[in-house]
Amino acid sequence: RLRQLDRTGSFWYSSVFEIELTAPSSIEL
C-alpha cells in the first residue's frame, strides 16, 4: 500500500494490493 504524505503532515492510504512471488523455474547466475 502507499501512504501519501502532504507538507502539512496529513496522510492517507491507498488501496491494498496482494501479489505472490513464486520460486523461479530455473537456477541462474
mmCIF file of all heavy atoms, coordinates in Angstrom:
data_MODEL
# 
_entry.id   MODEL 
# 
loop_
_atom_site.group_PDB 
_atom_site.id 
_atom_site.type_symbol 
_atom_site.label_atom_id 
_atom_site.label_alt_id 
_atom_site.label_comp_id 
_atom_site.label_asym_id 
_atom_site.label_entity_id 
_atom_site.label_seq_id 
_atom_site.pdbx_PDB_ins_code 
_atom_site.Cartn_x 
_atom_site.Cartn_y 
_atom_site.Cartn_z 
_atom_site.occupancy 
_atom_site.B_iso_or_equiv 
_atom_site.pdbx_formal_charge 
_atom_site.auth_seq_id 
_atom_site.auth_comp_id 
_atom_site.auth_asym_id 
_atom_site.auth_atom_id 
_atom_site.pdbx_PDB_model_num 
ATOM 1   N N   . ARG A 1 1  ? 0.862  -1.179  0.000   1.00 0.00 ? 1  ARG A N   1 
ATOM 2   C CA  . ARG A 1 1  ? 0.000  0.000   0.000   1.00 0.00 ? 1  ARG A CA  1 
ATOM 3   C C   . ARG A 1 1  ? 0.904  1.236   0.000   1.00 0.00 ? 1  ARG A C   1 
ATOM 4   O O   . ARG A 1 1  ? 2.085  1.170   0.366   1.00 0.00 ? 1  ARG A O   1 
ATOM 5   C CB  . ARG A 1 1  ? -0.944 0.013   1.200   1.00 0.00 ? 1  ARG A CB  1 
ATOM 6   C CG  . ARG A 1 1  ? -0.274 0.224   2.544   1.00 0.00 ? 1  ARG A CG  1 
ATOM 7   C CD  . ARG A 1 1  ? -1.270 0.171   3.685   1.00 0.00 ? 1  ARG A CD  1 
ATOM 8   N NE  . ARG A 1 1  ? -0.591 0.335   4.968   1.00 0.00 ? 1  ARG A NE  1 
ATOM 9   C CZ  . ARG A 1 1  ? -1.167 0.156   6.141   1.00 0.00 ? 1  ARG A CZ  1 
ATOM 10  N NH1 . ARG A 1 1  ? -2.438 -0.213  6.201   1.00 0.00 ? 1  ARG A NH1 1 
ATOM 11  N NH2 . ARG A 1 1  ? -0.496 0.333   7.265   1.00 0.00 ? 1  ARG A NH2 1 
ATOM 12  N N   . LEU A 1 2  ? 0.317  2.357   -0.430  1.00 0.00 ? 2  LEU A N   1 
ATOM 13  C CA  . LEU A 1 2  ? 1.012  3.641   -0.410  1.00 0.00 ? 2  LEU A CA  1 
ATOM 14  C C   . LEU A 1 2  ? 0.442  4.483   0.718   1.00 0.00 ? 2  LEU A C   1 
ATOM 15  O O   . LEU A 1 2  ? -0.770 4.492   0.929   1.00 0.00 ? 2  LEU A O   1 
ATOM 16  C CB  . LEU A 1 2  ? 0.799  4.392   -1.732  1.00 0.00 ? 2  LEU A CB  1 
ATOM 17  C CG  . LEU A 1 2  ? 1.258  3.704   -3.006  1.00 0.00 ? 2  LEU A CG  1 
ATOM 18  C CD1 . LEU A 1 2  ? 0.842  4.535   -4.220  1.00 0.00 ? 2  LEU A CD1 1 
ATOM 19  C CD2 . LEU A 1 2  ? 2.756  3.488   -2.986  1.00 0.00 ? 2  LEU A CD2 1 
ATOM 20  N N   . ARG A 1 3  ? 1.301  5.175   1.428   1.00 0.00 ? 3  ARG A N   1 
ATOM 21  C CA  . ARG A 1 3  ? 0.856  6.176   2.397   1.00 0.00 ? 3  ARG A CA  1 
ATOM 22  C C   . ARG A 1 3  ? 1.336  7.520   1.865   1.00 0.00 ? 3  ARG A C   1 
ATOM 23  O O   . ARG A 1 3  ? 2.533  7.810   1.858   1.00 0.00 ? 3  ARG A O   1 
ATOM 24  C CB  . ARG A 1 3  ? 1.427  5.915   3.785   1.00 0.00 ? 3  ARG A CB  1 
ATOM 25  C CG  . ARG A 1 3  ? 0.940  6.933   4.810   1.00 0.00 ? 3  ARG A CG  1 
ATOM 26  C CD  . ARG A 1 3  ? 1.200  6.508   6.249   1.00 0.00 ? 3  ARG A CD  1 
ATOM 27  N NE  . ARG A 1 3  ? 2.464  5.874   6.465   1.00 0.00 ? 3  ARG A NE  1 
ATOM 28  C CZ  . ARG A 1 3  ? 3.503  6.447   7.085   1.00 0.00 ? 3  ARG A CZ  1 
ATOM 29  N NH1 . ARG A 1 3  ? 3.418  7.673   7.528   1.00 0.00 ? 3  ARG A NH1 1 
ATOM 30  N NH2 . ARG A 1 3  ? 4.622  5.784   7.244   1.00 0.00 ? 3  ARG A NH2 1 
ATOM 31  N N   . GLN A 1 4  ? 0.406  8.313   1.357   1.00 0.00 ? 4  GLN A N   1 
ATOM 32  C CA  . GLN A 1 4  ? 0.742  9.613   0.782   1.00 0.00 ? 4  GLN A CA  1 
ATOM 33  C C   . GLN A 1 4  ? 0.831  10.639  1.896   1.00 0.00 ? 4  GLN A C   1 
ATOM 34  O O   . GLN A 1 4  ? -0.041 10.722  2.751   1.00 0.00 ? 4  GLN A O   1 
ATOM 35  C CB  . GLN A 1 4  ? -0.312 10.018  -0.258  1.00 0.00 ? 4  GLN A CB  1 
ATOM 36  C CG  . GLN A 1 4  ? 0.013  11.305  -0.992  1.00 0.00 ? 4  GLN A CG  1 
ATOM 37  C CD  . GLN A 1 4  ? -0.416 12.551  -0.242  1.00 0.00 ? 4  GLN A CD  1 
ATOM 38  O OE1 . GLN A 1 4  ? -1.426 12.583  0.430   1.00 0.00 ? 4  GLN A OE1 1 
ATOM 39  N NE2 . GLN A 1 4  ? 0.397  13.585  -0.345  1.00 0.00 ? 4  GLN A NE2 1 
ATOM 40  N N   . LEU A 1 5  ? 1.920  11.419  1.904   1.00 0.00 ? 5  LEU A N   1 
ATOM 41  C CA  . LEU A 1 5  ? 2.138  12.450  2.912   1.00 0.00 ? 5  LEU A CA  1 
ATOM 42  C C   . LEU A 1 5  ? 2.076  13.815  2.248   1.00 0.00 ? 5  LEU A C   1 
ATOM 43  O O   . LEU A 1 5  ? 2.689  14.012  1.200   1.00 0.00 ? 5  LEU A O   1 
ATOM 44  C CB  . LEU A 1 5  ? 3.523  12.294  3.555   1.00 0.00 ? 5  LEU A CB  1 
ATOM 45  C CG  . LEU A 1 5  ? 3.846  10.957  4.207   1.00 0.00 ? 5  LEU A CG  1 
ATOM 46  C CD1 . LEU A 1 5  ? 5.314  10.903  4.589   1.00 0.00 ? 5  LEU A CD1 1 
ATOM 47  C CD2 . LEU A 1 5  ? 2.982  10.755  5.428   1.00 0.00 ? 5  LEU A CD2 1 
ATOM 48  N N   . ASP A 1 6  ? 1.360  14.755  2.863   1.00 0.00 ? 6  ASP A N   1 
ATOM 49  C CA  . ASP A 1 6  ? 1.424  16.109  2.325   1.00 0.00 ? 6  ASP A CA  1 
ATOM 50  C C   . ASP A 1 6  ? 2.260  16.972  3.256   1.00 0.00 ? 6  ASP A C   1 
ATOM 51  O O   . ASP A 1 6  ? 2.668  16.552  4.335   1.00 0.00 ? 6  ASP A O   1 
ATOM 52  C CB  . ASP A 1 6  ? 0.040  16.689  2.026   1.00 0.00 ? 6  ASP A CB  1 
ATOM 53  C CG  . ASP A 1 6  ? -0.783 16.988  3.262   1.00 0.00 ? 6  ASP A CG  1 
ATOM 54  O OD1 . ASP A 1 6  ? -0.194 17.217  4.323   1.00 0.00 ? 6  ASP A OD1 1 
ATOM 55  O OD2 . ASP A 1 6  ? -2.011 17.014  3.139   1.00 0.00 ? 6  ASP A OD2 1 
ATOM 56  N N   . ARG A 1 7  ? 2.575  18.173  2.806   1.00 0.00 ? 7  ARG A N   1 
ATOM 57  C CA  . ARG A 1 7  ? 3.507  19.040  3.540   1.00 0.00 ? 7  ARG A CA  1 
ATOM 58  C C   . ARG A 1 7  ? 2.950  19.553  4.860   1.00 0.00 ? 7  ARG A C   1 
ATOM 59  O O   . ARG A 1 7  ? 3.693  20.090  5.675   1.00 0.00 ? 7  ARG A O   1 
ATOM 60  C CB  . ARG A 1 7  ? 3.939  20.190  2.639   1.00 0.00 ? 7  ARG A CB  1 
ATOM 61  C CG  . ARG A 1 7  ? 4.813  19.716  1.502   1.00 0.00 ? 7  ARG A CG  1 
ATOM 62  C CD  . ARG A 1 7  ? 5.305  20.855  0.651   1.00 0.00 ? 7  ARG A CD  1 
ATOM 63  N NE  . ARG A 1 7  ? 6.199  20.334  -0.374  1.00 0.00 ? 7  ARG A NE  1 
ATOM 64  C CZ  . ARG A 1 7  ? 6.293  20.837  -1.574  1.00 0.00 ? 7  ARG A CZ  1 
ATOM 65  N NH1 . ARG A 1 7  ? 5.559  21.882  -1.927  1.00 0.00 ? 7  ARG A NH1 1 
ATOM 66  N NH2 . ARG A 1 7  ? 7.130  20.307  -2.455  1.00 0.00 ? 7  ARG A NH2 1 
ATOM 67  N N   . THR A 1 8  ? 1.658  19.375  5.099   1.00 0.00 ? 8  THR A N   1 
ATOM 68  C CA  . THR A 1 8  ? 1.071  19.808  6.378   1.00 0.00 ? 8  THR A CA  1 
ATOM 69  C C   . THR A 1 8  ? 1.133  18.709  7.429   1.00 0.00 ? 8  THR A C   1 
ATOM 70  O O   . THR A 1 8  ? 0.727  18.914  8.562   1.00 0.00 ? 8  THR A O   1 
ATOM 71  C CB  . THR A 1 8  ? -0.407 20.215  6.190   1.00 0.00 ? 8  THR A CB  1 
ATOM 72  O OG1 . THR A 1 8  ? -1.170 19.050  5.847   1.00 0.00 ? 8  THR A OG1 1 
ATOM 73  C CG2 . THR A 1 8  ? -0.566 21.287  5.129   1.00 0.00 ? 8  THR A CG2 1 
ATOM 74  N N   . GLY A 1 9  ? 1.600  17.522  7.033   1.00 0.00 ? 9  GLY A N   1 
ATOM 75  C CA  . GLY A 1 9  ? 1.664  16.403  7.960   1.00 0.00 ? 9  GLY A CA  1 
ATOM 76  C C   . GLY A 1 9  ? 0.486  15.453  7.843   1.00 0.00 ? 9  GLY A C   1 
ATOM 77  O O   . GLY A 1 9  ? 0.463  14.409  8.487   1.00 0.00 ? 9  GLY A O   1 
ATOM 78  N N   . SER A 1 10 ? -0.510 15.803  7.035   1.00 0.00 ? 10 SER A N   1 
ATOM 79  C CA  . SER A 1 10 ? -1.651 14.905  6.821   1.00 0.00 ? 10 SER A CA  1 
ATOM 80  C C   . SER A 1 10 ? -1.229 13.745  5.924   1.00 0.00 ? 10 SER A C   1 
ATOM 81  O O   . SER A 1 10 ? -0.262 13.844  5.166   1.00 0.00 ? 10 SER A O   1 
ATOM 82  C CB  . SER A 1 10 ? -2.798 15.663  6.156   1.00 0.00 ? 10 SER A CB  1 
ATOM 83  O OG  . SER A 1 10 ? -3.254 16.694  7.000   1.00 0.00 ? 10 SER A OG  1 
ATOM 84  N N   . PHE A 1 11 ? -1.969 12.648  5.999   1.00 0.00 ? 11 PHE A N   1 
ATOM 85  C CA  . PHE A 1 11 ? -1.665 11.500  5.148   1.00 0.00 ? 11 PHE A CA  1 
ATOM 86  C C   . PHE A 1 11 ? -2.939 10.718  4.877   1.00 0.00 ? 11 PHE A C   1 
ATOM 87  O O   . PHE A 1 11 ? -3.947 10.873  5.561   1.00 0.00 ? 11 PHE A O   1 
ATOM 88  C CB  . PHE A 1 11 ? -0.610 10.598  5.788   1.00 0.00 ? 11 PHE A CB  1 
ATOM 89  C CG  . PHE A 1 11 ? -1.050 9.961   7.080   1.00 0.00 ? 11 PHE A CG  1 
ATOM 90  C CD1 . PHE A 1 11 ? -1.667 8.717   7.083   1.00 0.00 ? 11 PHE A CD1 1 
ATOM 91  C CD2 . PHE A 1 11 ? -0.844 10.601  8.288   1.00 0.00 ? 11 PHE A CD2 1 
ATOM 92  C CE1 . PHE A 1 11 ? -2.077 8.126   8.262   1.00 0.00 ? 11 PHE A CE1 1 
ATOM 93  C CE2 . PHE A 1 11 ? -1.249 10.022  9.484   1.00 0.00 ? 11 PHE A CE2 1 
ATOM 94  C CZ  . PHE A 1 11 ? -1.870 8.784   9.466   1.00 0.00 ? 11 PHE A CZ  1 
ATOM 95  N N   . TRP A 1 12 ? -2.874 9.867   3.844   1.00 0.00 ? 12 TRP A N   1 
ATOM 96  C CA  . TRP A 1 12 ? -3.956 8.929   3.540   1.00 0.00 ? 12 TRP A CA  1 
ATOM 97  C C   . TRP A 1 12 ? -3.340 7.691   2.919   1.00 0.00 ? 12 TRP A C   1 
ATOM 98  O O   . TRP A 1 12 ? -2.231 7.722   2.400   1.00 0.00 ? 12 TRP A O   1 
ATOM 99  C CB  . TRP A 1 12 ? -5.038 9.542   2.649   1.00 0.00 ? 12 TRP A CB  1 
ATOM 100 C CG  . TRP A 1 12 ? -4.543 10.016  1.312   1.00 0.00 ? 12 TRP A CG  1 
ATOM 101 C CD1 . TRP A 1 12 ? -4.113 11.256  0.991   1.00 0.00 ? 12 TRP A CD1 1 
ATOM 102 C CD2 . TRP A 1 12 ? -4.402 9.233   0.116   1.00 0.00 ? 12 TRP A CD2 1 
ATOM 103 N NE1 . TRP A 1 12 ? -3.716 11.315  -0.314  1.00 0.00 ? 12 TRP A NE1 1 
ATOM 104 C CE2 . TRP A 1 12 ? -3.888 10.075  -0.878  1.00 0.00 ? 12 TRP A CE2 1 
ATOM 105 C CE3 . TRP A 1 12 ? -4.659 7.899   -0.209  1.00 0.00 ? 12 TRP A CE3 1 
ATOM 106 C CZ2 . TRP A 1 12 ? -3.612 9.644   -2.168  1.00 0.00 ? 12 TRP A CZ2 1 
ATOM 107 C CZ3 . TRP A 1 12 ? -4.383 7.475   -1.501  1.00 0.00 ? 12 TRP A CZ3 1 
ATOM 108 C CH2 . TRP A 1 12 ? -3.879 8.338   -2.464  1.00 0.00 ? 12 TRP A CH2 1 
ATOM 109 N N   . TYR A 1 13 ? -4.078 6.578   3.002   1.00 0.00 ? 13 TYR A N   1 
ATOM 110 C CA  . TYR A 1 13 ? -3.609 5.299   2.454   1.00 0.00 ? 13 TYR A CA  1 
ATOM 111 C C   . TYR A 1 13 ? -4.310 4.985   1.143   1.00 0.00 ? 13 TYR A C   1 
ATOM 112 O O   . TYR A 1 13 ? -5.486 5.265   0.969   1.00 0.00 ? 13 TYR A O   1 
ATOM 113 C CB  . TYR A 1 13 ? -3.890 4.164   3.440   1.00 0.00 ? 13 TYR A CB  1 
ATOM 114 C CG  . TYR A 1 13 ? -2.977 4.154   4.627   1.00 0.00 ? 13 TYR A CG  1 
ATOM 115 C CD1 . TYR A 1 13 ? -3.405 4.684   5.841   1.00 0.00 ? 13 TYR A CD1 1 
ATOM 116 C CD2 . TYR A 1 13 ? -1.700 3.638   4.556   1.00 0.00 ? 13 TYR A CD2 1 
ATOM 117 C CE1 . TYR A 1 13 ? -2.567 4.692   6.949   1.00 0.00 ? 13 TYR A CE1 1 
ATOM 118 C CE2 . TYR A 1 13 ? -0.865 3.635   5.657   1.00 0.00 ? 13 TYR A CE2 1 
ATOM 119 C CZ  . TYR A 1 13 ? -1.301 4.161   6.848   1.00 0.00 ? 13 TYR A CZ  1 
ATOM 120 O OH  . TYR A 1 13 ? -0.478 4.174   7.931   1.00 0.00 ? 13 TYR A OH  1 
ATOM 121 N N   . SER A 1 14 ? -3.556 4.342   0.252   1.00 0.00 ? 14 SER A N   1 
ATOM 122 C CA  . SER A 1 14 ? -4.131 3.848   -0.999  1.00 0.00 ? 14 SER A CA  1 
ATOM 123 C C   . SER A 1 14 ? -4.850 2.534   -0.737  1.00 0.00 ? 14 SER A C   1 
ATOM 124 O O   . SER A 1 14 ? -4.833 2.004   0.374   1.00 0.00 ? 14 SER A O   1 
ATOM 125 C CB  . SER A 1 14 ? -3.014 3.597   -2.015  1.00 0.00 ? 14 SER A CB  1 
ATOM 126 O OG  . SER A 1 14 ? -2.242 2.465   -1.604  1.00 0.00 ? 14 SER A OG  1 
ATOM 127 N N   . SER A 1 15 ? -5.430 1.984   -1.776  1.00 0.00 ? 15 SER A N   1 
ATOM 128 C CA  . SER A 1 15 ? -5.953 0.619   -1.708  1.00 0.00 ? 15 SER A CA  1 
ATOM 129 C C   . SER A 1 15 ? -4.786 -0.329  -1.473  1.00 0.00 ? 15 SER A C   1 
ATOM 130 O O   . SER A 1 15 ? -3.626 0.008   -1.702  1.00 0.00 ? 15 SER A O   1 
ATOM 131 C CB  . SER A 1 15 ? -6.636 0.250   -3.028  1.00 0.00 ? 15 SER A CB  1 
ATOM 132 O OG  . SER A 1 15 ? -7.722 1.103   -3.260  1.00 0.00 ? 15 SER A OG  1 
ATOM 133 N N   . VAL A 1 16 ? -5.109 -1.534  -1.038  1.00 0.00 ? 16 VAL A N   1 
ATOM 134 C CA  . VAL A 1 16 ? -4.101 -2.556  -0.760  1.00 0.00 ? 16 VAL A CA  1 
ATOM 135 C C   . VAL A 1 16 ? -4.087 -3.550  -1.917  1.00 0.00 ? 16 VAL A C   1 
ATOM 136 O O   . VAL A 1 16 ? -5.132 -3.951  -2.411  1.00 0.00 ? 16 VAL A O   1 
ATOM 137 C CB  . VAL A 1 16 ? -4.449 -3.270  0.569   1.00 0.00 ? 16 VAL A CB  1 
ATOM 138 C CG1 . VAL A 1 16 ? -3.538 -4.442  0.816   1.00 0.00 ? 16 VAL A CG1 1 
ATOM 139 C CG2 . VAL A 1 16 ? -4.384 -2.278  1.722   1.00 0.00 ? 16 VAL A CG2 1 
ATOM 140 N N   . PHE A 1 17 ? -2.862 -3.936  -2.353  1.00 0.00 ? 17 PHE A N   1 
ATOM 141 C CA  . PHE A 1 17 ? -2.733 -4.898  -3.440  1.00 0.00 ? 17 PHE A CA  1 
ATOM 142 C C   . PHE A 1 17 ? -1.915 -6.089  -2.979  1.00 0.00 ? 17 PHE A C   1 
ATOM 143 O O   . PHE A 1 17 ? -0.861 -5.928  -2.371  1.00 0.00 ? 17 PHE A O   1 
ATOM 144 C CB  . PHE A 1 17 ? -2.059 -4.261  -4.663  1.00 0.00 ? 17 PHE A CB  1 
ATOM 145 C CG  . PHE A 1 17 ? -2.971 -3.364  -5.424  1.00 0.00 ? 17 PHE A CG  1 
ATOM 146 C CD1 . PHE A 1 17 ? -3.115 -2.042  -5.058  1.00 0.00 ? 17 PHE A CD1 1 
ATOM 147 C CD2 . PHE A 1 17 ? -3.706 -3.849  -6.484  1.00 0.00 ? 17 PHE A CD2 1 
ATOM 148 C CE1 . PHE A 1 17 ? -3.966 -1.204  -5.750  1.00 0.00 ? 17 PHE A CE1 1 
ATOM 149 C CE2 . PHE A 1 17 ? -4.570 -3.021  -7.175  1.00 0.00 ? 17 PHE A CE2 1 
ATOM 150 C CZ  . PHE A 1 17 ? -4.700 -1.702  -6.808  1.00 0.00 ? 17 PHE A CZ  1 
ATOM 151 N N   . GLU A 1 18 ? -2.415 -7.290  -3.289  1.00 0.00 ? 18 GLU A N   1 
ATOM 152 C CA  . GLU A 1 18 ? -1.737 -8.531  -2.916  1.00 0.00 ? 18 GLU A CA  1 
ATOM 153 C C   . GLU A 1 18 ? -1.123 -9.154  -4.154  1.00 0.00 ? 18 GLU A C   1 
ATOM 154 O O   . GLU A 1 18 ? -1.711 -9.124  -5.240  1.00 0.00 ? 18 GLU A O   1 
ATOM 155 C CB  . GLU A 1 18 ? -2.738 -9.503  -2.297  1.00 0.00 ? 18 GLU A CB  1 
ATOM 156 C CG  . GLU A 1 18 ? -2.096 -10.795 -1.831  1.00 0.00 ? 18 GLU A CG  1 
ATOM 157 C CD  . GLU A 1 18 ? -3.093 -11.720 -1.149  1.00 0.00 ? 18 GLU A CD  1 
ATOM 158 O OE1 . GLU A 1 18 ? -4.000 -11.219 -0.461  1.00 0.00 ? 18 GLU A OE1 1 
ATOM 159 O OE2 . GLU A 1 18 ? -2.952 -12.945 -1.331  1.00 0.00 ? 18 GLU A OE2 1 
ATOM 160 N N   . ILE A 1 19 ? 0.072  -9.725  -3.991  1.00 0.00 ? 19 ILE A N   1 
ATOM 161 C CA  . ILE A 1 19 ? 0.749  -10.381 -5.111  1.00 0.00 ? 19 ILE A CA  1 
ATOM 162 C C   . ILE A 1 19 ? 1.573  -11.538 -4.566  1.00 0.00 ? 19 ILE A C   1 
ATOM 163 O O   . ILE A 1 19 ? 2.026  -11.504 -3.413  1.00 0.00 ? 19 ILE A O   1 
ATOM 164 C CB  . ILE A 1 19 ? 1.625  -9.382  -5.891  1.00 0.00 ? 19 ILE A CB  1 
ATOM 165 C CG1 . ILE A 1 19 ? 2.058  -9.981  -7.221  1.00 0.00 ? 19 ILE A CG1 1 
ATOM 166 C CG2 . ILE A 1 19 ? 2.794  -8.911  -5.061  1.00 0.00 ? 19 ILE A CG2 1 
ATOM 167 C CD1 . ILE A 1 19 ? 2.435  -8.946  -8.254  1.00 0.00 ? 19 ILE A CD1 1 
ATOM 168 N N   . GLU A 1 20 ? 1.752  -12.573 -5.377  1.00 0.00 ? 20 GLU A N   1 
ATOM 169 C CA  . GLU A 1 20 ? 2.542  -13.740 -4.966  1.00 0.00 ? 20 GLU A CA  1 
ATOM 170 C C   . GLU A 1 20 ? 3.806  -13.830 -5.786  1.00 0.00 ? 20 GLU A C   1 
ATOM 171 O O   . GLU A 1 20 ? 3.776  -13.725 -7.010  1.00 0.00 ? 20 GLU A O   1 
ATOM 172 C CB  . GLU A 1 20 ? 1.732  -15.023 -5.120  1.00 0.00 ? 20 GLU A CB  1 
ATOM 173 C CG  . GLU A 1 20 ? 2.493  -16.234 -4.613  1.00 0.00 ? 20 GLU A CG  1 
ATOM 174 C CD  . GLU A 1 20 ? 1.632  -17.479 -4.497  1.00 0.00 ? 20 GLU A CD  1 
ATOM 175 O OE1 . GLU A 1 20 ? 0.461  -17.436 -4.902  1.00 0.00 ? 20 GLU A OE1 1 
ATOM 176 O OE2 . GLU A 1 20 ? 2.153  -18.490 -4.006  1.00 0.00 ? 20 GLU A OE2 1 
ATOM 177 N N   . LEU A 1 21 ? 4.932  -14.008 -5.094  1.00 0.00 ? 21 LEU A N   1 
ATOM 178 C CA  . LEU A 1 21 ? 6.222  -14.215 -5.738  1.00 0.00 ? 21 LEU A CA  1 
ATOM 179 C C   . LEU A 1 21 ? 6.539  -15.693 -5.616  1.00 0.00 ? 21 LEU A C   1 
ATOM 180 O O   . LEU A 1 21 ? 6.672  -16.215 -4.512  1.00 0.00 ? 21 LEU A O   1 
ATOM 181 C CB  . LEU A 1 21 ? 7.304  -13.370 -5.058  1.00 0.00 ? 21 LEU A CB  1 
ATOM 182 C CG  . LEU A 1 21 ? 8.671  -13.354 -5.718  1.00 0.00 ? 21 LEU A CG  1 
ATOM 183 C CD1 . LEU A 1 21 ? 8.582  -12.771 -7.128  1.00 0.00 ? 21 LEU A CD1 1 
ATOM 184 C CD2 . LEU A 1 21 ? 9.642  -12.534 -4.892  1.00 0.00 ? 21 LEU A CD2 1 
ATOM 185 N N   . THR A 1 22 ? 6.576  -16.381 -6.749  1.00 0.00 ? 22 THR A N   1 
ATOM 186 C CA  . THR A 1 22 ? 6.820  -17.822 -6.759  1.00 0.00 ? 22 THR A CA  1 
ATOM 187 C C   . THR A 1 22 ? 8.292  -18.100 -7.010  1.00 0.00 ? 22 THR A C   1 
ATOM 188 O O   . THR A 1 22 ? 9.034  -17.226 -7.471  1.00 0.00 ? 22 THR A O   1 
ATOM 189 C CB  . THR A 1 22 ? 5.964  -18.512 -7.831  1.00 0.00 ? 22 THR A CB  1 
ATOM 190 O OG1 . THR A 1 22 ? 6.269  -17.938 -9.102  1.00 0.00 ? 22 THR A OG1 1 
ATOM 191 C CG2 . THR A 1 22 ? 4.482  -18.341 -7.539  1.00 0.00 ? 22 THR A CG2 1 
ATOM 192 N N   . ALA A 1 23 ? 8.685  -19.317 -6.732  1.00 0.00 ? 23 ALA A N   1 
ATOM 193 C CA  . ALA A 1 23 ? 10.067 -19.719 -6.946  1.00 0.00 ? 23 ALA A CA  1 
ATOM 194 C C   . ALA A 1 23 ? 10.392 -19.684 -8.437  1.00 0.00 ? 23 ALA A C   1 
ATOM 195 O O   . ALA A 1 23 ? 9.549  -20.019 -9.266  1.00 0.00 ? 23 ALA A O   1 
ATOM 196 C CB  . ALA A 1 23 ? 10.301 -21.126 -6.409  1.00 0.00 ? 23 ALA A CB  1 
ATOM 197 N N   . PRO A 1 24 ? 11.592 -19.257 -8.784  1.00 0.00 ? 24 PRO A N   1 
ATOM 198 C CA  . PRO A 1 24 ? 11.966 -19.291 -10.191 1.00 0.00 ? 24 PRO A CA  1 
ATOM 199 C C   . PRO A 1 24 ? 11.952 -20.731 -10.704 1.00 0.00 ? 24 PRO A C   1 
ATOM 200 O O   . PRO A 1 24 ? 12.175 -21.672 -9.938  1.00 0.00 ? 24 PRO A O   1 
ATOM 201 C CB  . PRO A 1 24 ? 13.376 -18.710 -10.219 1.00 0.00 ? 24 PRO A CB  1 
ATOM 202 C CG  . PRO A 1 24 ? 13.821 -18.572 -8.812  1.00 0.00 ? 24 PRO A CG  1 
ATOM 203 C CD  . PRO A 1 24 ? 12.642 -18.776 -7.918  1.00 0.00 ? 24 PRO A CD  1 
ATOM 204 N N   . SER A 1 25 ? 11.683 -20.901 -11.984 1.00 0.00 ? 25 SER A N   1 
ATOM 205 C CA  . SER A 1 25 ? 11.615 -22.247 -12.556 1.00 0.00 ? 25 SER A CA  1 
ATOM 206 C C   . SER A 1 25 ? 12.991 -22.782 -12.896 1.00 0.00 ? 25 SER A C   1 
ATOM 207 O O   . SER A 1 25 ? 13.139 -23.943 -13.236 1.00 0.00 ? 25 SER A O   1 
ATOM 208 C CB  . SER A 1 25 ? 10.731 -22.244 -13.805 1.00 0.00 ? 25 SER A CB  1 
ATOM 209 O OG  . SER A 1 25 ? 11.255 -21.326 -14.748 1.00 0.00 ? 25 SER A OG  1 
ATOM 210 N N   . SER A 1 26 ? 14.003 -21.933 -12.809 1.00 0.00 ? 26 SER A N   1 
ATOM 211 C CA  . SER A 1 26 ? 15.351 -22.389 -13.124 1.00 0.00 ? 26 SER A CA  1 
ATOM 212 C C   . SER A 1 26 ? 16.348 -21.732 -12.177 1.00 0.00 ? 26 SER A C   1 
ATOM 213 O O   . SER A 1 26 ? 16.018 -20.788 -11.466 1.00 0.00 ? 26 SER A O   1 
ATOM 214 C CB  . SER A 1 26 ? 15.702 -22.031 -14.573 1.00 0.00 ? 26 SER A CB  1 
ATOM 215 O OG  . SER A 1 26 ? 15.696 -20.627 -14.726 1.00 0.00 ? 26 SER A OG  1 
ATOM 216 N N   . ILE A 1 27 ? 17.546 -22.254 -12.193 1.00 0.00 ? 27 ILE A N   1 
ATOM 217 C CA  . ILE A 1 27 ? 18.647 -21.695 -11.432 1.00 0.00 ? 27 ILE A CA  1 
ATOM 218 C C   . ILE A 1 27 ? 19.443 -20.829 -12.403 1.00 0.00 ? 27 ILE A C   1 
ATOM 219 O O   . ILE A 1 27 ? 19.673 -21.227 -13.544 1.00 0.00 ? 27 ILE A O   1 
ATOM 220 C CB  . ILE A 1 27 ? 19.527 -22.825 -10.846 1.00 0.00 ? 27 ILE A CB  1 
ATOM 221 C CG1 . ILE A 1 27 ? 18.688 -23.669 -9.888  1.00 0.00 ? 27 ILE A CG1 1 
ATOM 222 C CG2 . ILE A 1 27 ? 20.746 -22.260 -10.150 1.00 0.00 ? 27 ILE A CG2 1 
ATOM 223 C CD1 . ILE A 1 27 ? 19.366 -24.946 -9.437  1.00 0.00 ? 27 ILE A CD1 1 
ATOM 224 N N   . GLU A 1 28 ? 19.830 -19.633 -11.941 1.00 0.00 ? 28 GLU A N   1 
ATOM 225 C CA  . GLU A 1 28 ? 20.532 -18.738 -12.859 1.00 0.00 ? 28 GLU A CA  1 
ATOM 226 C C   . GLU A 1 28 ? 21.529 -17.871 -12.118 1.00 0.00 ? 28 GLU A C   1 
ATOM 227 O O   . GLU A 1 28 ? 21.257 -17.362 -11.032 1.00 0.00 ? 28 GLU A O   1 
ATOM 228 C CB  . GLU A 1 28 ? 19.527 -17.847 -13.593 1.00 0.00 ? 28 GLU A CB  1 
ATOM 229 C CG  . GLU A 1 28 ? 20.171 -16.955 -14.624 1.00 0.00 ? 28 GLU A CG  1 
ATOM 230 C CD  . GLU A 1 28 ? 19.164 -16.106 -15.379 1.00 0.00 ? 28 GLU A CD  1 
ATOM 231 O OE1 . GLU A 1 28 ? 17.959 -16.152 -15.062 1.00 0.00 ? 28 GLU A OE1 1 
ATOM 232 O OE2 . GLU A 1 28 ? 19.595 -15.374 -16.275 1.00 0.00 ? 28 GLU A OE2 1 
ATOM 233 N N   . LEU A 1 29 ? 22.692 -17.709 -12.731 1.00 0.00 ? 29 LEU A N   1 
ATOM 234 C CA  . LEU A 1 29 ? 23.712 -16.769 -12.291 1.00 0.00 ? 29 LEU A CA  1 
ATOM 235 C C   . LEU A 1 29 ? 23.674 -15.609 -13.279 1.00 0.00 ? 29 LEU A C   1 
ATOM 236 O O   . LEU A 1 29 ? 23.924 -15.800 -14.468 1.00 0.00 ? 29 LEU A O   1 
ATOM 237 C CB  . LEU A 1 29 ? 25.093 -17.435 -12.296 1.00 0.00 ? 29 LEU A CB  1 
ATOM 238 C CG  . LEU A 1 29 ? 26.305 -16.516 -12.118 1.00 0.00 ? 29 LEU A CG  1 
ATOM 239 C CD1 . LEU A 1 29 ? 26.273 -15.823 -10.767 1.00 0.00 ? 29 LEU A CD1 1 
ATOM 240 C CD2 . LEU A 1 29 ? 27.593 -17.316 -12.291 1.00 0.00 ? 29 LEU A CD2 1 
# 
